Amino acid sequence: MNILLFGPPGSGKSTHAKRIVERYGLTYISSGDIIRSEIEKRTALGVEMDNYLSRGELIPDTIVNTLIISKLRRQRHNFILDGYPRTPEQVITLENYLYDHGIKLDLAMEIFVDLKTSIERISGRRICSSCGAVYHVRFNPPKREGICDLCGGRLVQRKDDMPEIVERRYSIYAKNMEPIIKFYRGKGIYVRVDGNGGVEEVWKRIRPLLDYISSRESLFQGRS
């Protein structure tokens, strides 16, 4: 399977992407992970991208396209793309690449939550400055406030997790995704999944869909 996975901030798409990878043996390509890696390394590109994110703005398409396509060149089949494409320009770049290399997408899945849920989930997130462990002040608090259970490191809130930044990110996501959703709906591969509820509850909505696609692809391969 080749899957695109979308969702506004706080939708839980990265959590479910990892589950999908484990169950179906796909390669995980996350635009967010790639970008954060560059930022953590403090490369010139990383510093530039961090400046965009701290203002709640999208990173320019030319930068994101280059990072993602370089990953796809090493993994042409059985992948899940998390958080890409996010703009019409990125769709054009991706679709041209897939067409040129004879790669077919099986599903464009959006895990959806509303703005209120997005802000609640994201603004409450805290990350260990030492080991990177993730907590939430309401849903997954540490045993001691502000201190990581695993290593004792200090818990911090990322700049792009501030409520006003989350709201801006959500607005940008909704605006930019409208034509993208329309495009993939027209191709007959778009599905929206309700992202409200706990992880297990949402997973029960996702798993039957992917089981069906996986069994269908196996059947087609068996006939080839």
N, C-alpha and C. Protein backbone atom coordinates (compact mmCIF):
# COMPACT_ATOMS: atom_id res chain seq x y z
N MET A 1 0.83 -1.20 0.00
CA MET A 1 0.00 0.00 0.00
C MET A 1 0.86 1.25 0.00
N ASN A 2 0.36 2.26 -0.68
CA ASN A 2 0.95 3.59 -0.63
C ASN A 2 -0.13 4.56 -0.14
N ILE A 3 0.13 5.22 0.99
CA ILE A 3 -0.91 5.99 1.66
C ILE A 3 -0.45 7.41 1.92
N LEU A 4 -1.38 8.36 1.73
CA LEU A 4 -1.19 9.73 2.20
C LEU A 4 -2.03 9.89 3.46
N LEU A 5 -1.46 10.50 4.50
CA LEU A 5 -2.18 10.69 5.75
C LEU A 5 -2.18 12.17 6.11
N PHE A 6 -3.38 12.73 6.29
CA PHE A 6 -3.54 14.14 6.61
C PHE A 6 -4.24 14.30 7.95
N GLY A 7 -4.19 15.51 8.46
CA GLY A 7 -4.94 15.82 9.67
C GLY A 7 -4.48 17.14 10.24
N PRO A 8 -5.40 17.92 10.82
CA PRO A 8 -5.03 19.18 11.44
C PRO A 8 -4.18 18.94 12.68
N PRO A 9 -3.59 19.98 13.24
CA PRO A 9 -2.80 19.80 14.47
C PRO A 9 -3.63 19.12 15.55
N GLY A 10 -3.05 18.12 16.20
CA GLY A 10 -3.74 17.44 17.29
C GLY A 10 -4.68 16.33 16.86
N SER A 11 -4.68 15.99 15.59
CA SER A 11 -5.59 14.94 15.10
C SER A 11 -5.14 13.55 15.50
N GLY A 12 -3.88 13.40 15.87
CA GLY A 12 -3.35 12.08 16.24
C GLY A 12 -2.83 11.29 15.05
N LYS A 13 -2.64 11.96 13.92
CA LYS A 13 -2.24 11.24 12.71
C LYS A 13 -0.86 10.58 12.85
N SER A 14 0.06 11.24 13.53
CA SER A 14 1.39 10.64 13.68
C SER A 14 1.34 9.39 14.55
N THR A 15 0.51 9.43 15.60
CA THR A 15 0.33 8.25 16.45
C THR A 15 -0.20 7.08 15.64
N HIS A 16 -1.21 7.35 14.83
CA HIS A 16 -1.82 6.28 14.04
C HIS A 16 -0.93 5.87 12.86
N ALA A 17 -0.15 6.80 12.35
CA ALA A 17 0.78 6.45 11.29
C ALA A 17 1.75 5.38 11.77
N LYS A 18 2.24 5.52 12.99
CA LYS A 18 3.18 4.54 13.54
C LYS A 18 2.50 3.18 13.72
N ARG A 19 1.23 3.18 14.10
CA ARG A 19 0.50 1.91 14.21
C ARG A 19 0.33 1.25 12.85
N ILE A 20 0.04 2.07 11.87
CA ILE A 20 -0.13 1.56 10.51
C ILE A 20 1.17 0.94 10.02
N VAL A 21 2.28 1.62 10.29
CA VAL A 21 3.60 1.11 9.90
C VAL A 21 3.86 -0.25 10.52
N GLU A 22 3.56 -0.38 11.82
CA GLU A 22 3.81 -1.64 12.52
C GLU A 22 2.93 -2.77 12.01
N ARG A 23 1.67 -2.48 11.74
CA ARG A 23 0.74 -3.54 11.35
C ARG A 23 0.92 -3.97 9.90
N TYR A 24 1.20 -3.01 9.01
CA TYR A 24 1.20 -3.31 7.58
C TYR A 24 2.60 -3.28 6.95
N GLY A 25 3.62 -3.05 7.74
CA GLY A 25 4.99 -3.11 7.24
C GLY A 25 5.35 -2.04 6.24
N LEU A 26 4.79 -0.84 6.42
CA LEU A 26 5.08 0.25 5.50
C LEU A 26 6.26 1.09 6.01
N THR A 27 6.88 1.82 5.11
CA THR A 27 7.93 2.76 5.48
C THR A 27 7.30 4.10 5.82
N TYR A 28 7.68 4.66 6.94
CA TYR A 28 7.10 5.90 7.44
C TYR A 28 7.92 7.09 6.97
N ILE A 29 7.28 7.99 6.24
CA ILE A 29 7.93 9.22 5.79
C ILE A 29 7.12 10.39 6.33
N SER A 30 7.66 11.08 7.32
CA SER A 30 6.94 12.16 7.98
C SER A 30 7.60 13.49 7.67
N SER A 31 6.83 14.39 7.08
CA SER A 31 7.38 15.72 6.81
C SER A 31 7.77 16.41 8.11
N GLY A 32 6.95 16.21 9.17
CA GLY A 32 7.25 16.84 10.45
C GLY A 32 8.55 16.33 11.05
N ASP A 33 8.78 15.01 10.99
CA ASP A 33 10.01 14.44 11.54
C ASP A 33 11.24 14.92 10.78
N ILE A 34 11.12 14.98 9.47
CA ILE A 34 12.23 15.43 8.64
C ILE A 34 12.58 16.88 8.96
N ILE A 35 11.54 17.70 9.08
CA ILE A 35 11.75 19.12 9.37
C ILE A 35 12.35 19.30 10.77
N ARG A 36 11.79 18.58 11.76
CA ARG A 36 12.30 18.72 13.13
C ARG A 36 13.75 18.26 13.23
N SER A 37 14.11 17.23 12.46
CA SER A 37 15.49 16.76 12.47
C SER A 37 16.45 17.86 12.01
N GLU A 38 16.07 18.56 10.95
CA GLU A 38 16.89 19.66 10.46
C GLU A 38 16.98 20.78 11.48
N ILE A 39 15.86 21.06 12.15
CA ILE A 39 15.84 22.13 13.14
C ILE A 39 16.73 21.78 14.34
N GLU A 40 16.62 20.52 14.80
CA GLU A 40 17.42 20.08 15.95
C GLU A 40 18.91 20.11 15.65
N LYS A 41 19.26 19.84 14.40
CA LYS A 41 20.67 19.87 14.01
C LYS A 41 21.20 21.29 13.87
N ARG A 42 20.26 22.27 13.87
CA ARG A 42 20.59 23.68 13.71
C ARG A 42 21.36 23.96 12.42
N THR A 43 20.99 23.24 11.38
CA THR A 43 21.55 23.54 10.07
C THR A 43 20.99 24.88 9.59
N ALA A 44 21.59 25.43 8.56
CA ALA A 44 21.11 26.70 8.03
C ALA A 44 19.66 26.56 7.57
N LEU A 45 19.36 25.42 6.93
CA LEU A 45 17.99 25.15 6.48
C LEU A 45 17.07 24.98 7.68
N GLY A 46 17.55 24.31 8.73
CA GLY A 46 16.76 24.10 9.92
C GLY A 46 16.40 25.40 10.62
N VAL A 47 17.35 26.32 10.72
CA VAL A 47 17.10 27.62 11.34
C VAL A 47 16.06 28.39 10.54
N GLU A 48 16.18 28.34 9.23
CA GLU A 48 15.22 29.03 8.37
C GLU A 48 13.81 28.46 8.56
N MET A 49 13.70 27.13 8.62
CA MET A 49 12.39 26.50 8.79
C MET A 49 11.82 26.80 10.17
N ASP A 50 12.67 26.84 11.19
CA ASP A 50 12.22 27.13 12.55
C ASP A 50 11.61 28.52 12.65
N ASN A 51 12.15 29.45 11.91
CA ASN A 51 11.62 30.81 11.91
C ASN A 51 10.20 30.85 11.35
N TYR A 52 9.94 30.07 10.31
CA TYR A 52 8.59 30.00 9.75
C TYR A 52 7.62 29.39 10.76
N LEU A 53 8.02 28.27 11.37
CA LEU A 53 7.14 27.57 12.29
C LEU A 53 6.83 28.40 13.53
N SER A 54 7.80 29.13 14.04
CA SER A 54 7.58 29.93 15.25
C SER A 54 6.57 31.04 15.01
N ARG A 55 6.39 31.41 13.75
CA ARG A 55 5.38 32.42 13.40
C ARG A 55 4.05 31.78 13.01
N GLY A 56 3.99 30.44 13.05
CA GLY A 56 2.77 29.74 12.68
C GLY A 56 2.54 29.72 11.18
N GLU A 57 3.61 29.87 10.41
CA GLU A 57 3.50 29.90 8.95
C GLU A 57 3.99 28.59 8.35
N LEU A 58 3.54 28.32 7.13
CA LEU A 58 4.01 27.14 6.41
C LEU A 58 5.42 27.36 5.87
N ILE A 59 6.20 26.30 5.88
CA ILE A 59 7.52 26.34 5.26
C ILE A 59 7.33 26.37 3.74
N PRO A 60 8.12 27.15 3.00
CA PRO A 60 7.94 27.24 1.54
C PRO A 60 7.95 25.89 0.85
N ASP A 61 7.12 25.77 -0.18
CA ASP A 61 6.96 24.51 -0.91
C ASP A 61 8.26 23.98 -1.47
N THR A 62 9.11 24.87 -1.97
CA THR A 62 10.35 24.41 -2.60
C THR A 62 11.22 23.63 -1.61
N ILE A 63 11.24 24.07 -0.35
CA ILE A 63 12.04 23.40 0.67
C ILE A 63 11.44 22.03 1.00
N VAL A 64 10.13 22.02 1.27
CA VAL A 64 9.46 20.77 1.66
C VAL A 64 9.50 19.75 0.53
N ASN A 65 9.24 20.19 -0.69
CA ASN A 65 9.26 19.27 -1.83
C ASN A 65 10.62 18.58 -1.97
N THR A 66 11.67 19.35 -1.83
CA THR A 66 13.02 18.78 -1.96
C THR A 66 13.28 17.72 -0.89
N LEU A 67 12.88 18.01 0.35
CA LEU A 67 13.11 17.08 1.45
C LEU A 67 12.33 15.77 1.26
N ILE A 68 11.05 15.88 0.85
CA ILE A 68 10.20 14.69 0.73
C ILE A 68 10.57 13.85 -0.49
N ILE A 69 10.76 14.48 -1.62
CA ILE A 69 11.08 13.72 -2.84
C ILE A 69 12.40 12.98 -2.68
N SER A 70 13.34 13.56 -1.96
CA SER A 70 14.62 12.87 -1.74
C SER A 70 14.41 11.58 -0.95
N LYS A 71 13.41 11.58 -0.03
CA LYS A 71 13.08 10.36 0.71
C LYS A 71 12.38 9.34 -0.18
N LEU A 72 11.47 9.81 -1.03
CA LEU A 72 10.72 8.91 -1.91
C LEU A 72 11.63 8.22 -2.93
N ARG A 73 12.69 8.85 -3.29
CA ARG A 73 13.61 8.23 -4.25
C ARG A 73 14.23 6.96 -3.67
N ARG A 74 14.28 6.89 -2.33
CA ARG A 74 14.86 5.70 -1.68
C ARG A 74 13.79 4.69 -1.28
N GLN A 75 12.51 5.09 -1.35
CA GLN A 75 11.41 4.20 -0.97
C GLN A 75 10.25 4.42 -1.93
N ARG A 76 10.20 3.64 -2.99
CA ARG A 76 9.24 3.88 -4.06
C ARG A 76 7.92 3.16 -3.87
N HIS A 77 7.87 2.18 -2.96
CA HIS A 77 6.63 1.42 -2.75
C HIS A 77 6.46 1.10 -1.27
N ASN A 78 5.21 0.82 -0.88
CA ASN A 78 4.87 0.46 0.49
C ASN A 78 5.29 1.55 1.49
N PHE A 79 4.75 2.75 1.30
CA PHE A 79 5.08 3.87 2.17
C PHE A 79 3.82 4.55 2.67
N ILE A 80 3.98 5.27 3.77
CA ILE A 80 2.93 6.16 4.25
C ILE A 80 3.55 7.54 4.40
N LEU A 81 2.95 8.51 3.73
CA LEU A 81 3.41 9.90 3.79
C LEU A 81 2.55 10.64 4.80
N ASP A 82 3.16 11.08 5.87
CA ASP A 82 2.45 11.75 6.97
C ASP A 82 2.63 13.26 6.83
N GLY A 83 1.51 13.97 6.57
CA GLY A 83 1.55 15.43 6.55
C GLY A 83 2.03 16.04 5.26
N TYR A 84 2.02 15.30 4.19
CA TYR A 84 2.45 15.80 2.88
C TYR A 84 1.62 15.09 1.82
N PRO A 85 1.14 15.84 0.81
CA PRO A 85 1.31 17.27 0.55
C PRO A 85 0.30 18.12 1.32
N ARG A 86 0.69 19.38 1.55
CA ARG A 86 -0.17 20.30 2.30
C ARG A 86 -0.59 21.53 1.51
N THR A 87 -0.09 21.66 0.31
CA THR A 87 -0.49 22.78 -0.54
C THR A 87 -0.71 22.25 -1.96
N PRO A 88 -1.48 22.97 -2.77
CA PRO A 88 -1.67 22.54 -4.16
C PRO A 88 -0.35 22.38 -4.92
N GLU A 89 0.60 23.26 -4.63
CA GLU A 89 1.90 23.17 -5.31
C GLU A 89 2.63 21.88 -4.95
N GLN A 90 2.50 21.46 -3.69
CA GLN A 90 3.11 20.20 -3.27
C GLN A 90 2.41 19.01 -3.92
N VAL A 91 1.10 19.11 -4.11
CA VAL A 91 0.36 18.05 -4.80
C VAL A 91 0.89 17.88 -6.21
N ILE A 92 1.09 18.99 -6.91
CA ILE A 92 1.58 18.94 -8.30
C ILE A 92 2.95 18.26 -8.35
N THR A 93 3.85 18.65 -7.43
CA THR A 93 5.18 18.05 -7.40
C THR A 93 5.10 16.56 -7.12
N LEU A 94 4.29 16.18 -6.14
CA LEU A 94 4.16 14.76 -5.79
C LEU A 94 3.55 13.96 -6.92
N GLU A 95 2.44 14.45 -7.48
CA GLU A 95 1.76 13.71 -8.54
C GLU A 95 2.65 13.54 -9.77
N ASN A 96 3.40 14.56 -10.10
CA ASN A 96 4.33 14.45 -11.24
C ASN A 96 5.39 13.39 -10.98
N TYR A 97 5.91 13.37 -9.75
CA TYR A 97 6.92 12.38 -9.40
C TYR A 97 6.34 10.97 -9.47
N LEU A 98 5.15 10.77 -8.88
CA LEU A 98 4.53 9.45 -8.88
C LEU A 98 4.23 8.98 -10.30
N TYR A 99 3.73 9.88 -11.12
CA TYR A 99 3.41 9.52 -12.51
C TYR A 99 4.67 9.12 -13.28
N ASP A 100 5.73 9.91 -13.10
CA ASP A 100 6.98 9.63 -13.83
C ASP A 100 7.59 8.29 -13.44
N HIS A 101 7.31 7.82 -12.22
CA HIS A 101 7.91 6.58 -11.74
C HIS A 101 6.90 5.43 -11.63
N GLY A 102 5.72 5.62 -12.18
CA GLY A 102 4.72 4.55 -12.20
C GLY A 102 4.27 4.10 -10.83
N ILE A 103 4.14 5.04 -9.90
CA ILE A 103 3.74 4.71 -8.52
C ILE A 103 2.28 5.09 -8.32
N LYS A 104 1.50 4.19 -7.73
CA LYS A 104 0.07 4.41 -7.51
C LYS A 104 -0.22 4.64 -6.04
N LEU A 105 -1.06 5.64 -5.76
CA LEU A 105 -1.55 5.85 -4.40
C LEU A 105 -2.83 5.05 -4.18
N ASP A 106 -2.93 4.41 -3.02
CA ASP A 106 -4.11 3.61 -2.70
C ASP A 106 -5.12 4.36 -1.86
N LEU A 107 -4.66 5.32 -1.06
CA LEU A 107 -5.55 5.98 -0.13
C LEU A 107 -5.00 7.33 0.29
N ALA A 108 -5.90 8.33 0.37
CA ALA A 108 -5.59 9.63 0.97
C ALA A 108 -6.55 9.78 2.15
N MET A 109 -6.05 9.56 3.34
CA MET A 109 -6.90 9.50 4.54
C MET A 109 -6.67 10.72 5.42
N GLU A 110 -7.77 11.38 5.80
CA GLU A 110 -7.70 12.50 6.72
C GLU A 110 -8.31 12.10 8.06
N ILE A 111 -7.54 12.28 9.13
CA ILE A 111 -8.07 12.11 10.48
C ILE A 111 -8.46 13.50 10.96
N PHE A 112 -9.74 13.71 11.19
CA PHE A 112 -10.23 15.07 11.39
C PHE A 112 -10.69 15.34 12.83
N VAL A 113 -10.29 16.51 13.36
CA VAL A 113 -10.83 17.04 14.62
C VAL A 113 -11.11 18.51 14.41
N ASP A 114 -12.01 19.08 15.24
CA ASP A 114 -12.34 20.49 15.09
C ASP A 114 -11.31 21.37 15.79
N LEU A 115 -11.47 22.69 15.65
CA LEU A 115 -10.48 23.64 16.17
C LEU A 115 -10.35 23.55 17.69
N LYS A 116 -11.46 23.46 18.40
CA LYS A 116 -11.42 23.40 19.85
C LYS A 116 -10.61 22.21 20.33
N THR A 117 -10.84 21.06 19.73
CA THR A 117 -10.11 19.84 20.11
C THR A 117 -8.63 19.98 19.76
N SER A 118 -8.35 20.57 18.61
CA SER A 118 -6.97 20.78 18.18
C SER A 118 -6.20 21.61 19.19
N ILE A 119 -6.77 22.72 19.62
CA ILE A 119 -6.09 23.60 20.57
C ILE A 119 -5.89 22.90 21.91
N GLU A 120 -6.92 22.19 22.38
CA GLU A 120 -6.82 21.49 23.66
C GLU A 120 -5.72 20.44 23.64
N ARG A 121 -5.65 19.68 22.59
CA ARG A 121 -4.66 18.61 22.51
C ARG A 121 -3.24 19.15 22.36
N ILE A 122 -3.07 20.14 21.50
CA ILE A 122 -1.72 20.60 21.19
C ILE A 122 -1.16 21.54 22.25
N SER A 123 -1.97 22.49 22.73
CA SER A 123 -1.45 23.48 23.68
C SER A 123 -1.10 22.85 25.02
N GLY A 124 -1.66 21.67 25.31
CA GLY A 124 -1.34 20.98 26.56
C GLY A 124 -0.15 20.06 26.46
N ARG A 125 0.46 19.97 25.30
CA ARG A 125 1.57 19.05 25.09
C ARG A 125 2.86 19.62 25.69
N ARG A 126 3.63 18.76 26.35
CA ARG A 126 4.93 19.12 26.89
C ARG A 126 5.95 18.07 26.47
N ILE A 127 7.14 18.53 26.14
CA ILE A 127 8.18 17.63 25.62
C ILE A 127 9.43 17.74 26.48
N CYS A 128 10.03 16.60 26.78
CA CYS A 128 11.26 16.60 27.58
C CYS A 128 12.41 17.20 26.78
N SER A 129 13.07 18.18 27.35
CA SER A 129 14.17 18.85 26.66
C SER A 129 15.41 17.96 26.56
N SER A 130 15.42 16.86 27.32
CA SER A 130 16.59 15.97 27.29
C SER A 130 16.39 14.74 26.41
N CYS A 131 15.29 13.99 26.65
CA CYS A 131 15.11 12.73 25.93
C CYS A 131 14.01 12.76 24.88
N GLY A 132 13.22 13.83 24.84
CA GLY A 132 12.18 13.96 23.82
C GLY A 132 10.87 13.28 24.15
N ALA A 133 10.73 12.72 25.36
CA ALA A 133 9.47 12.08 25.76
C ALA A 133 8.33 13.11 25.74
N VAL A 134 7.13 12.65 25.36
CA VAL A 134 5.99 13.56 25.18
C VAL A 134 4.96 13.32 26.28
N TYR A 135 4.46 14.42 26.85
CA TYR A 135 3.43 14.37 27.89
C TYR A 135 2.30 15.33 27.51
N HIS A 136 1.22 15.25 28.28
CA HIS A 136 0.12 16.21 28.12
C HIS A 136 -0.38 16.58 29.50
N VAL A 137 -0.59 17.86 29.74
CA VAL A 137 -0.94 18.32 31.08
C VAL A 137 -2.26 17.73 31.57
N ARG A 138 -3.14 17.32 30.65
CA ARG A 138 -4.43 16.75 31.03
C ARG A 138 -4.49 15.25 30.77
N PHE A 139 -4.11 14.82 29.57
CA PHE A 139 -4.31 13.43 29.17
C PHE A 139 -3.17 12.49 29.56
N ASN A 140 -1.95 13.02 29.72
CA ASN A 140 -0.80 12.18 30.06
C ASN A 140 0.21 12.99 30.87
N PRO A 141 -0.18 13.43 32.09
CA PRO A 141 0.71 14.29 32.87
C PRO A 141 1.87 13.51 33.48
N PRO A 142 3.00 14.18 33.71
CA PRO A 142 4.12 13.53 34.41
C PRO A 142 3.79 13.37 35.89
N LYS A 143 4.54 12.52 36.56
CA LYS A 143 4.31 12.32 37.99
C LYS A 143 4.61 13.59 38.78
N ARG A 144 5.67 14.29 38.35
CA ARG A 144 6.00 15.59 38.97
C ARG A 144 5.86 16.67 37.90
N GLU A 145 5.16 17.71 38.21
CA GLU A 145 4.89 18.76 37.25
C GLU A 145 6.20 19.35 36.69
N GLY A 146 6.28 19.34 35.34
CA GLY A 146 7.43 19.95 34.68
C GLY A 146 8.67 19.09 34.61
N ILE A 147 8.58 17.84 35.13
CA ILE A 147 9.76 16.96 35.18
C ILE A 147 9.45 15.65 34.46
N CYS A 148 10.36 15.21 33.60
CA CYS A 148 10.19 13.97 32.84
C CYS A 148 10.29 12.76 33.76
N ASP A 149 9.34 11.85 33.62
CA ASP A 149 9.35 10.61 34.41
C ASP A 149 10.53 9.73 34.06
N LEU A 150 10.99 9.79 32.82
CA LEU A 150 12.00 8.85 32.34
C LEU A 150 13.42 9.26 32.69
N CYS A 151 13.73 10.54 32.53
CA CYS A 151 15.13 10.95 32.72
C CYS A 151 15.30 12.13 33.67
N GLY A 152 14.19 12.70 34.14
CA GLY A 152 14.30 13.83 35.05
C GLY A 152 14.56 15.15 34.36
N GLY A 153 14.49 15.15 33.05
CA GLY A 153 14.72 16.37 32.29
C GLY A 153 13.57 17.37 32.44
N ARG A 154 13.83 18.60 32.03
CA ARG A 154 12.82 19.65 32.13
C ARG A 154 11.84 19.56 30.97
N LEU A 155 10.54 19.65 31.27
CA LEU A 155 9.52 19.62 30.24
C LEU A 155 9.26 21.02 29.72
N VAL A 156 9.17 21.15 28.40
CA VAL A 156 8.99 22.46 27.78
C VAL A 156 7.82 22.41 26.80
N GLN A 157 7.31 23.58 26.49
CA GLN A 157 6.27 23.71 25.48
C GLN A 157 6.90 24.32 24.23
N ARG A 158 6.77 23.63 23.11
CA ARG A 158 7.33 24.14 21.86
C ARG A 158 6.63 25.43 21.47
N LYS A 159 7.36 26.30 20.79
CA LYS A 159 6.79 27.58 20.38
C LYS A 159 5.57 27.40 19.50
N ASP A 160 5.60 26.41 18.62
CA ASP A 160 4.47 26.23 17.72
C ASP A 160 3.31 25.46 18.36
N ASP A 161 3.42 25.16 19.69
CA ASP A 161 2.32 24.55 20.42
C ASP A 161 1.52 25.56 21.24
N MET A 162 1.90 26.83 21.20
CA MET A 162 1.15 27.87 21.90
C MET A 162 -0.24 28.00 21.28
N PRO A 163 -1.28 28.24 22.11
CA PRO A 163 -2.67 28.28 21.59
C PRO A 163 -2.86 29.17 20.39
N GLU A 164 -2.31 30.38 20.41
CA GLU A 164 -2.51 31.30 19.28
C GLU A 164 -1.83 30.80 18.01
N ILE A 165 -0.71 30.09 18.19
CA ILE A 165 -0.02 29.53 17.03
C ILE A 165 -0.78 28.33 16.50
N VAL A 166 -1.32 27.50 17.39
CA VAL A 166 -2.11 26.34 16.98
C VAL A 166 -3.32 26.80 16.17
N GLU A 167 -3.98 27.84 16.65
CA GLU A 167 -5.16 28.35 15.93
C GLU A 167 -4.78 28.81 14.52
N ARG A 168 -3.64 29.48 14.42
CA ARG A 168 -3.17 29.93 13.11
C ARG A 168 -2.82 28.76 12.21
N ARG A 169 -2.15 27.75 12.78
CA ARG A 169 -1.80 26.55 12.01
C ARG A 169 -3.05 25.84 11.52
N TYR A 170 -4.06 25.76 12.39
CA TYR A 170 -5.31 25.09 12.01
C TYR A 170 -5.98 25.82 10.86
N SER A 171 -6.02 27.15 10.94
CA SER A 171 -6.64 27.96 9.90
C SER A 171 -5.93 27.76 8.56
N ILE A 172 -4.61 27.75 8.59
CA ILE A 172 -3.83 27.55 7.38
C ILE A 172 -4.08 26.16 6.81
N TYR A 173 -4.11 25.16 7.71
CA TYR A 173 -4.37 23.79 7.27
C TYR A 173 -5.72 23.69 6.56
N ALA A 174 -6.77 24.22 7.20
CA ALA A 174 -8.12 24.12 6.63
C ALA A 174 -8.20 24.80 5.27
N LYS A 175 -7.59 25.96 5.15
CA LYS A 175 -7.63 26.71 3.89
C LYS A 175 -6.90 25.97 2.78
N ASN A 176 -5.71 25.48 3.08
CA ASN A 176 -4.89 24.84 2.05
C ASN A 176 -5.38 23.44 1.69
N MET A 177 -6.03 22.75 2.66
CA MET A 177 -6.44 21.38 2.39
C MET A 177 -7.71 21.30 1.55
N GLU A 178 -8.48 22.35 1.49
CA GLU A 178 -9.75 22.29 0.76
C GLU A 178 -9.57 21.84 -0.69
N PRO A 179 -8.69 22.47 -1.49
CA PRO A 179 -8.52 21.99 -2.87
C PRO A 179 -7.83 20.63 -2.96
N ILE A 180 -6.99 20.31 -1.97
CA ILE A 180 -6.30 19.02 -1.97
C ILE A 180 -7.29 17.89 -1.74
N ILE A 181 -8.18 18.10 -0.78
CA ILE A 181 -9.22 17.10 -0.50
C ILE A 181 -10.11 16.93 -1.73
N LYS A 182 -10.47 18.03 -2.35
CA LYS A 182 -11.30 17.97 -3.56
C LYS A 182 -10.60 17.17 -4.65
N PHE A 183 -9.30 17.36 -4.79
CA PHE A 183 -8.53 16.65 -5.83
C PHE A 183 -8.54 15.14 -5.57
N TYR A 184 -8.21 14.73 -4.34
CA TYR A 184 -8.12 13.30 -4.05
C TYR A 184 -9.49 12.64 -3.94
N ARG A 185 -10.51 13.43 -3.59
CA ARG A 185 -11.87 12.90 -3.64
C ARG A 185 -12.25 12.61 -5.09
N GLY A 186 -11.83 13.49 -6.00
CA GLY A 186 -12.09 13.29 -7.42
C GLY A 186 -11.40 12.05 -7.96
N LYS A 187 -10.27 11.69 -7.37
CA LYS A 187 -9.56 10.47 -7.78
C LYS A 187 -10.15 9.21 -7.13
N GLY A 188 -11.10 9.43 -6.22
CA GLY A 188 -11.77 8.30 -5.59
C GLY A 188 -10.99 7.62 -4.48
N ILE A 189 -9.98 8.30 -3.90
CA ILE A 189 -9.17 7.65 -2.86
C ILE A 189 -9.20 8.40 -1.53
N TYR A 190 -9.98 9.48 -1.45
CA TYR A 190 -10.03 10.25 -0.20
C TYR A 190 -11.06 9.68 0.76
N VAL A 191 -10.66 9.57 2.05
CA VAL A 191 -11.55 9.13 3.12
C VAL A 191 -11.29 9.99 4.34
N ARG A 192 -12.37 10.49 4.97
CA ARG A 192 -12.24 11.23 6.23
C ARG A 192 -12.62 10.31 7.38
N VAL A 193 -11.74 10.25 8.41
CA VAL A 193 -11.97 9.45 9.61
C VAL A 193 -12.16 10.40 10.79
N ASP A 194 -13.17 10.14 11.60
CA ASP A 194 -13.42 10.93 12.80
C ASP A 194 -12.29 10.72 13.79
N GLY A 195 -11.58 11.80 14.15
CA GLY A 195 -10.44 11.69 15.06
C GLY A 195 -10.77 11.93 16.51
N ASN A 196 -12.05 12.11 16.83
CA ASN A 196 -12.44 12.33 18.22
C ASN A 196 -12.46 11.02 18.99
N GLY A 197 -12.14 11.11 20.28
CA GLY A 197 -12.09 9.92 21.12
C GLY A 197 -10.67 9.50 21.41
N GLY A 198 -10.54 8.41 22.15
CA GLY A 198 -9.23 7.90 22.49
C GLY A 198 -8.54 7.22 21.33
N VAL A 199 -7.27 6.89 21.52
CA VAL A 199 -6.46 6.28 20.45
C VAL A 199 -7.09 4.97 19.97
N GLU A 200 -7.52 4.12 20.90
CA GLU A 200 -8.08 2.83 20.52
C GLU A 200 -9.40 3.00 19.76
N GLU A 201 -10.18 3.98 20.18
CA GLU A 201 -11.45 4.23 19.53
C GLU A 201 -11.27 4.66 18.08
N VAL A 202 -10.31 5.55 17.85
CA VAL A 202 -10.05 6.02 16.48
C VAL A 202 -9.43 4.89 15.65
N TRP A 203 -8.56 4.10 16.27
CA TRP A 203 -7.91 3.00 15.55
C TRP A 203 -8.94 2.00 15.04
N LYS A 204 -10.02 1.79 15.78
CA LYS A 204 -11.07 0.86 15.36
C LYS A 204 -11.79 1.37 14.11
N ARG A 205 -11.72 2.66 13.86
CA ARG A 205 -12.31 3.22 12.64
C ARG A 205 -11.35 3.09 11.46
N ILE A 206 -10.05 3.12 11.75
CA ILE A 206 -9.04 3.10 10.70
C ILE A 206 -8.73 1.68 10.23
N ARG A 207 -8.58 0.77 11.16
CA ARG A 207 -8.08 -0.57 10.85
C ARG A 207 -8.91 -1.33 9.82
N PRO A 208 -10.26 -1.36 9.91
CA PRO A 208 -11.02 -2.11 8.89
C PRO A 208 -10.80 -1.60 7.47
N LEU A 209 -10.64 -0.30 7.34
CA LEU A 209 -10.40 0.30 6.02
C LEU A 209 -9.08 -0.18 5.44
N LEU A 210 -8.04 -0.16 6.25
CA LEU A 210 -6.72 -0.57 5.77
C LEU A 210 -6.63 -2.08 5.58
N ASP A 211 -7.33 -2.83 6.42
CA ASP A 211 -7.37 -4.29 6.22
C ASP A 211 -7.98 -4.62 4.86
N TYR A 212 -9.03 -3.88 4.50
CA TYR A 212 -9.68 -4.10 3.21
C TYR A 212 -8.74 -3.78 2.05
N ILE A 213 -8.08 -2.64 2.13
CA ILE A 213 -7.17 -2.24 1.05
C ILE A 213 -6.01 -3.23 0.95
N SER A 214 -5.48 -3.64 2.09
CA SER A 214 -4.36 -4.58 2.10
C SER A 214 -4.75 -5.91 1.47
N SER A 215 -5.93 -6.42 1.81
CA SER A 215 -6.38 -7.70 1.25
C SER A 215 -6.65 -7.57 -0.25
N ARG A 216 -7.17 -6.41 -0.65
CA ARG A 216 -7.43 -6.19 -2.07
C ARG A 216 -6.14 -6.16 -2.87
N GLU A 217 -5.12 -5.47 -2.34
CA GLU A 217 -3.83 -5.40 -3.04
C GLU A 217 -3.19 -6.78 -3.12
N SER A 218 -3.32 -7.58 -2.07
CA SER A 218 -2.75 -8.93 -2.08
C SER A 218 -3.44 -9.79 -3.13
N LEU A 219 -4.74 -9.60 -3.28
CA LEU A 219 -5.50 -10.37 -4.29
C LEU A 219 -5.05 -10.00 -5.70
N PHE A 220 -4.88 -8.69 -5.94
CA PHE A 220 -4.43 -8.25 -7.25
C PHE A 220 -3.04 -8.77 -7.58
N GLN A 221 -2.17 -8.77 -6.58
CA GLN A 221 -0.80 -9.27 -6.81
C GLN A 221 -0.82 -10.76 -7.12
N GLY A 222 -1.75 -11.48 -6.46
CA GLY A 222 -1.85 -12.90 -6.70
C GLY A 222 -2.31 -13.24 -8.10
N ARG A 223 -3.04 -12.32 -8.73
CA ARG A 223 -3.54 -12.56 -10.07
C ARG A 223 -2.55 -12.11 -11.15
N SER A 224 -1.55 -11.34 -10.76
CA SER A 224 -0.62 -10.81 -11.77
C SER A 224 0.38 -11.87 -12.21
